[in-house]
Amino acid sequence: MVKQKEIKIKYPEARVRAINSNLAKKNTTIEVEIMESLNQIYKKHVKPEVREFIEELEGDEPVVSKKSRTIIEEHP
């Protein structure tokens, strides 16, 4: 399994509840949305050759959100 780093952020509770309420209607979670955003940031700021190297080291394992156990796979 790929070693993972937990990222903690503080955000106003009322806003989180509002987000969760709307995402539930779309059958998704805030964790899934954040993972997708992190993947976009990763692609935007990490050079392709570095991403390839990292992905080879990881063995092409999908990124997993521990909390929701949702698997996020990148599709080119």
C-alpha atoms as a PDB file:
ATOM      1  CA  MET A   1       0.000   0.000   0.000  1.00  0.00           C
ATOM      2  CA  VAL A   2       1.137   3.520  -0.785  1.00  0.00           C
ATOM      3  CA  LYS A   3       2.201   5.535   2.236  1.00  0.00           C
ATOM      4  CA  GLN A   4      -0.354   8.283   2.793  1.00  0.00           C
ATOM      5  CA  LYS A   5      -0.274  11.668   4.491  1.00  0.00           C
ATOM      6  CA  GLU A   6      -3.323  13.028   6.262  1.00  0.00           C
ATOM      7  CA  ILE A   7      -4.124  16.675   5.559  1.00  0.00           C
ATOM      8  CA  LYS A   8      -6.138  18.536   8.160  1.00  0.00           C
ATOM      9  CA  ILE A   9      -7.739  21.905   7.521  1.00  0.00           C
ATOM     10  CA  LYS A  10     -10.039  24.117   9.523  1.00  0.00           C
ATOM     11  CA  TYR A  11     -13.154  25.429   7.817  1.00  0.00           C
ATOM     12  CA  PRO A  12     -16.337  26.965   9.239  1.00  0.00           C
ATOM     13  CA  GLU A  13     -18.666  24.220  10.463  1.00  0.00           C
ATOM     14  CA  ALA A  14     -21.845  25.775   9.024  1.00  0.00           C
ATOM     15  CA  ARG A  15     -20.258  25.860   5.579  1.00  0.00           C
ATOM     16  CA  VAL A  16     -19.193  22.221   5.843  1.00  0.00           C
ATOM     17  CA  ARG A  17     -22.733  21.212   6.805  1.00  0.00           C
ATOM     18  CA  ALA A  18     -24.115  23.158   3.831  1.00  0.00           C
ATOM     19  CA  ILE A  19     -21.635  21.503   1.479  1.00  0.00           C
ATOM     20  CA  ASN A  20     -22.374  18.029   2.870  1.00  0.00           C
ATOM     21  CA  SER A  21     -26.105  18.609   2.542  1.00  0.00           C
ATOM     22  CA  ASN A  22     -25.826  19.495  -1.132  1.00  0.00           C
ATOM     23  CA  LEU A  23     -23.300  16.782  -1.945  1.00  0.00           C
ATOM     24  CA  ALA A  24     -25.527  14.117  -0.376  1.00  0.00           C
ATOM     25  CA  LYS A  25     -28.153  14.986  -2.981  1.00  0.00           C
ATOM     26  CA  LYS A  26     -25.535  14.277  -5.647  1.00  0.00           C
ATOM     27  CA  ASN A  27     -24.555  10.982  -4.004  1.00  0.00           C
ATOM     28  CA  THR A  28     -20.990  12.074  -3.241  1.00  0.00           C
ATOM     29  CA  THR A  29     -18.990  13.293  -0.241  1.00  0.00           C
ATOM     30  CA  ILE A  30     -16.790  16.209   0.647  1.00  0.00           C
ATOM     31  CA  GLU A  31     -13.850  13.790   0.907  1.00  0.00           C
ATOM     32  CA  VAL A  32     -14.346  12.677  -2.698  1.00  0.00           C
ATOM     33  CA  GLU A  33     -14.589  16.278  -3.888  1.00  0.00           C
ATOM     34  CA  ILE A  34     -11.453  17.276  -1.968  1.00  0.00           C
ATOM     35  CA  MET A  35      -9.526  14.293  -3.369  1.00  0.00           C
ATOM     36  CA  GLU A  36     -10.527  15.294  -6.894  1.00  0.00           C
ATOM     37  CA  SER A  37      -9.374  18.859  -6.202  1.00  0.00           C
ATOM     38  CA  LEU A  38      -6.049  17.625  -4.801  1.00  0.00           C
ATOM     39  CA  ASN A  39      -5.533  15.491  -7.896  1.00  0.00           C
ATOM     40  CA  GLN A  40      -6.127  18.550 -10.084  1.00  0.00           C
ATOM     41  CA  ILE A  41      -3.645  20.594  -8.018  1.00  0.00           C
ATOM     42  CA  TYR A  42      -1.130  17.739  -8.275  1.00  0.00           C
ATOM     43  CA  LYS A  43      -1.486  17.599 -12.071  1.00  0.00           C
ATOM     44  CA  LYS A  44      -1.265  21.381 -12.383  1.00  0.00           C
ATOM     45  CA  HIS A  45       1.832  21.904 -10.249  1.00  0.00           C
ATOM     46  CA  VAL A  46       3.881  18.708 -10.605  1.00  0.00           C
ATOM     47  CA  LYS A  47       5.741  18.194 -13.867  1.00  0.00           C
ATOM     48  CA  PRO A  48       4.639  15.153 -15.922  1.00  0.00           C
ATOM     49  CA  GLU A  49       8.035  13.445 -15.640  1.00  0.00           C
ATOM     50  CA  VAL A  50       7.939  13.789 -11.840  1.00  0.00           C
ATOM     51  CA  ARG A  51       4.370  12.440 -11.751  1.00  0.00           C
ATOM     52  CA  GLU A  52       5.461   9.455 -13.869  1.00  0.00           C
ATOM     53  CA  PHE A  53       8.346   8.743 -11.488  1.00  0.00           C
ATOM     54  CA  ILE A  54       6.102   8.970  -8.422  1.00  0.00           C
ATOM     55  CA  GLU A  55       3.427   6.785 -10.001  1.00  0.00           C
ATOM     56  CA  GLU A  56       6.040   4.143 -10.875  1.00  0.00           C
ATOM     57  CA  LEU A  57       7.194   4.131  -7.248  1.00  0.00           C
ATOM     58  CA  GLU A  58       3.590   3.776  -6.087  1.00  0.00           C
ATOM     59  CA  GLY A  59       2.976   0.877  -8.450  1.00  0.00           C
ATOM     60  CA  ASP A  60      -0.082   2.564 -10.003  1.00  0.00           C
ATOM     61  CA  GLU A  61      -2.143   2.012  -6.855  1.00  0.00           C
ATOM     62  CA  PRO A  62      -5.286   4.170  -6.746  1.00  0.00           C
ATOM     63  CA  VAL A  63      -5.472   6.981  -4.235  1.00  0.00           C
ATOM     64  CA  VAL A  64      -7.715   5.981  -1.335  1.00  0.00           C
ATOM     65  CA  SER A  65      -9.609   8.209   1.049  1.00  0.00           C
ATOM     66  CA  LYS A  66      -9.398   6.525   4.466  1.00  0.00           C
ATOM     67  CA  LYS A  67     -12.502   8.155   5.911  1.00  0.00           C
ATOM     68  CA  SER A  68     -15.018   7.156   3.266  1.00  0.00           C
ATOM     69  CA  ARG A  69     -12.939   4.264   1.852  1.00  0.00           C
ATOM     70  CA  THR A  70     -13.689   5.717  -1.567  1.00  0.00           C
ATOM     71  CA  ILE A  71     -11.216   4.861  -4.291  1.00  0.00           C
ATOM     72  CA  ILE A  72     -10.315   7.703  -6.621  1.00  0.00           C
ATOM     73  CA  GLU A  73      -8.674   6.572  -9.837  1.00  0.00           C
ATOM     74  CA  GLU A  74      -7.129   8.902 -12.347  1.00  0.00           C
ATOM     75  CA  HIS A  75      -8.271   8.436 -15.923  1.00  0.00           C
ATOM     76  CA  PRO A  76      -6.127  10.121 -18.617  1.00  0.00           C
END
